[in-house]
Amino acid sequence: MTVITVLGWIGFVGSAVVLAAFIFVDLTGGEFQAAGIEVYESVPLPTYVVAFAILFVVFIGFILMAGQLKKILQTLIDGDPFVPENARRLNRLAMIVAGMEICRYVIGIAAGMFEVKTSVDFSVNLAAWVAVITLWVLSQVFAEGTRLREEEKMTI
């Protein structure tokens, strides 16, 4: 999971650098020419802002999720996955996914309000919401498993 977290940071920083380079080229009025690219079309600055906002939400959400999963996997490696913290971690994962979706909606609505030409829109991603519900249910299962295990320890 550490490798995944590092890759998330590399992806975030790399995407931000590439996006900043394109913004610089656009703002200086220059043309960018490279092998395999015949036409360079200028993109409005608000489109870049929307792209950066989406990148920020995706990569930061990815990094936060990887951190929670790393902690859950560590309890599994330790041989004790039914600890109260894992129920809270699964609940946090559900909130992270839900937060990412809500941020995507806000960015899509803002892009529409300011008439920014982008592919981001206000569409419902059922897979993400099913993941939120599944993670929430799993957090409840872990909480109940922890409670039952503690109850069993008290039984003689």
Protein backbone atom coordinates (compact mmCIF):
# COMPACT_ATOMS: atom_id res chain seq x y z
CA MET A 1 0.00 0.00 0.00
CA THR A 2 2.95 2.31 0.51
CA VAL A 3 3.84 1.86 -3.15
CA ILE A 4 0.26 2.71 -4.14
CA THR A 5 0.34 5.83 -1.97
CA VAL A 6 3.66 6.91 -3.51
CA LEU A 7 2.26 6.27 -7.00
CA GLY A 8 -0.75 8.41 -6.09
CA TRP A 9 1.52 11.29 -5.10
CA ILE A 10 3.64 10.85 -8.23
CA GLY A 11 0.50 10.84 -10.37
CA PHE A 12 -0.82 13.94 -8.65
CA VAL A 13 2.42 15.91 -8.91
CA GLY A 14 3.08 14.68 -12.47
CA SER A 15 -0.41 15.61 -13.63
CA ALA A 16 -0.14 19.01 -11.98
CA VAL A 17 3.21 19.67 -13.68
CA VAL A 18 1.87 18.67 -17.10
CA LEU A 19 -1.24 20.78 -16.56
CA ALA A 20 0.90 23.75 -15.45
CA ALA A 21 3.07 23.36 -18.55
CA PHE A 22 0.03 23.49 -20.81
CA ILE A 23 -1.32 26.52 -18.94
CA PHE A 24 2.06 28.26 -19.33
CA VAL A 25 2.12 27.57 -23.07
CA ASP A 26 -1.44 28.88 -23.42
CA LEU A 27 -0.85 32.01 -21.35
CA THR A 28 2.35 32.93 -23.21
CA GLY A 29 0.51 32.64 -26.50
CA GLY A 30 3.10 30.27 -27.86
CA GLU A 31 2.48 27.14 -29.79
CA PHE A 32 3.43 23.73 -28.57
CA GLN A 33 4.71 21.39 -31.24
CA ALA A 34 5.92 17.88 -30.65
CA ALA A 35 6.32 14.72 -32.66
CA GLY A 36 2.93 13.21 -33.38
CA ILE A 37 1.02 16.41 -32.58
CA GLU A 38 0.09 18.25 -35.75
CA VAL A 39 -2.37 20.80 -34.39
CA TYR A 40 -2.28 22.62 -31.12
CA GLU A 41 -5.51 24.25 -30.14
CA SER A 42 -5.60 26.79 -27.34
CA VAL A 43 -7.77 25.82 -24.39
CA PRO A 44 -9.47 28.44 -22.19
CA LEU A 45 -8.03 28.87 -18.69
CA PRO A 46 -11.30 27.88 -16.92
CA THR A 47 -11.07 24.46 -18.57
CA TYR A 48 -7.65 24.00 -17.01
CA VAL A 49 -9.03 25.03 -13.63
CA VAL A 50 -11.75 22.38 -13.90
CA ALA A 51 -9.17 19.78 -14.97
CA PHE A 52 -6.94 20.61 -12.01
CA ALA A 53 -9.90 20.46 -9.61
CA ILE A 54 -10.83 17.00 -10.87
CA LEU A 55 -7.21 15.83 -10.65
CA PHE A 56 -6.97 17.16 -7.12
CA VAL A 57 -10.14 15.37 -6.00
CA VAL A 58 -9.21 12.08 -7.67
CA PHE A 59 -5.61 11.86 -6.51
CA ILE A 60 -6.14 13.17 -2.98
CA GLY A 61 -9.09 10.79 -2.57
CA PHE A 62 -6.92 7.97 -3.89
CA ILE A 63 -4.14 8.80 -1.42
CA LEU A 64 -6.56 9.03 1.52
CA MET A 65 -8.15 5.69 0.59
CA ALA A 66 -4.76 4.02 0.27
CA GLY A 67 -3.86 5.23 3.77
CA GLN A 68 -7.00 3.74 5.29
CA LEU A 69 -6.56 0.46 3.41
CA LYS A 70 -2.94 0.26 4.56
CA LYS A 71 -4.05 0.48 8.19
CA ILE A 72 -6.75 -2.17 7.66
CA LEU A 73 -4.28 -4.52 5.97
CA GLN A 74 -1.81 -4.01 8.81
CA THR A 75 -4.39 -5.31 11.31
CA LEU A 76 -4.92 -8.30 9.03
CA ILE A 77 -1.17 -8.96 8.93
CA ASP A 78 -1.11 -8.68 12.73
CA GLY A 79 -3.76 -11.42 12.81
CA ASP A 80 -6.53 -9.32 14.38
CA PRO A 81 -8.73 -7.66 11.75
CA PHE A 82 -11.81 -7.36 13.99
CA VAL A 83 -10.77 -4.29 15.91
CA PRO A 84 -13.04 -1.26 16.48
CA GLU A 85 -10.69 0.95 14.45
CA ASN A 86 -11.33 -1.05 11.26
CA ALA A 87 -15.06 -0.35 11.44
CA ARG A 88 -14.25 3.35 11.66
CA ARG A 89 -11.71 3.05 8.83
CA LEU A 90 -14.28 1.40 6.56
CA ASN A 91 -16.72 4.15 7.46
CA ARG A 92 -14.04 6.73 6.55
CA LEU A 93 -13.52 4.97 3.21
CA ALA A 94 -17.24 5.29 2.52
CA MET A 95 -17.11 8.99 3.40
CA ILE A 96 -14.07 9.53 1.17
CA VAL A 97 -15.80 7.94 -1.84
CA ALA A 98 -18.99 9.89 -1.12
CA GLY A 99 -16.97 13.10 -0.72
CA MET A 100 -15.22 12.52 -4.03
CA GLU A 101 -18.57 12.07 -5.77
CA ILE A 102 -20.05 15.16 -4.14
CA CYS A 103 -16.96 17.19 -5.14
CA ARG A 104 -17.39 15.92 -8.71
CA TYR A 105 -21.02 17.12 -8.66
CA VAL A 106 -20.01 20.54 -7.32
CA ILE A 107 -17.28 20.90 -9.97
CA GLY A 108 -19.74 19.81 -12.68
CA ILE A 109 -22.38 22.28 -11.51
CA ALA A 110 -19.82 25.10 -11.26
CA ALA A 111 -18.51 24.28 -14.75
CA GLY A 112 -22.05 24.40 -16.09
CA MET A 113 -22.85 27.67 -14.30
CA PHE A 114 -19.76 29.37 -15.72
CA GLU A 115 -20.27 27.71 -19.12
CA VAL A 116 -16.89 26.00 -19.10
CA LYS A 117 -16.56 23.56 -21.97
CA THR A 118 -15.54 20.31 -20.32
CA SER A 119 -16.67 16.70 -20.13
CA VAL A 120 -17.38 17.03 -16.39
CA ASP A 121 -21.08 17.17 -15.79
CA PHE A 122 -23.71 16.44 -13.17
CA SER A 123 -24.33 12.76 -13.78
CA VAL A 124 -24.94 10.14 -11.12
CA ASN A 125 -22.27 7.45 -10.88
CA LEU A 126 -24.19 4.46 -9.53
CA ALA A 127 -21.03 2.37 -9.08
CA ALA A 128 -19.59 4.95 -6.70
CA TRP A 129 -22.77 5.12 -4.63
CA VAL A 130 -23.00 1.32 -4.51
CA ALA A 131 -19.40 1.32 -3.25
CA VAL A 132 -20.35 3.85 -0.55
CA ILE A 133 -23.27 1.69 0.59
CA THR A 134 -21.15 -1.48 0.49
CA LEU A 135 -18.37 0.12 2.54
CA TRP A 136 -20.89 1.42 5.05
CA VAL A 137 -22.45 -2.06 5.39
CA LEU A 138 -18.99 -3.59 5.80
CA SER A 139 -18.19 -1.10 8.54
CA GLN A 140 -21.35 -2.20 10.35
CA VAL A 141 -20.36 -5.87 9.90
CA PHE A 142 -16.91 -5.17 11.34
CA ALA A 143 -18.43 -3.26 14.26
CA GLU A 144 -20.78 -6.17 15.00
CA GLY A 145 -17.95 -8.71 14.60
CA THR A 146 -15.86 -6.74 17.06
CA ARG A 147 -18.74 -6.58 19.52
CA LEU A 148 -19.38 -10.34 19.25
CA ARG A 149 -15.70 -11.12 19.70
CA GLU A 150 -15.50 -8.96 22.82
CA GLU A 151 -18.65 -10.66 24.12
CA GLU A 152 -17.12 -14.07 23.46
CA LYS A 153 -13.99 -13.12 25.43
CA MET A 154 -16.20 -12.41 28.44
CA THR A 155 -17.85 -15.86 28.20
CA ILE A 156 -16.32 -18.60 30.29
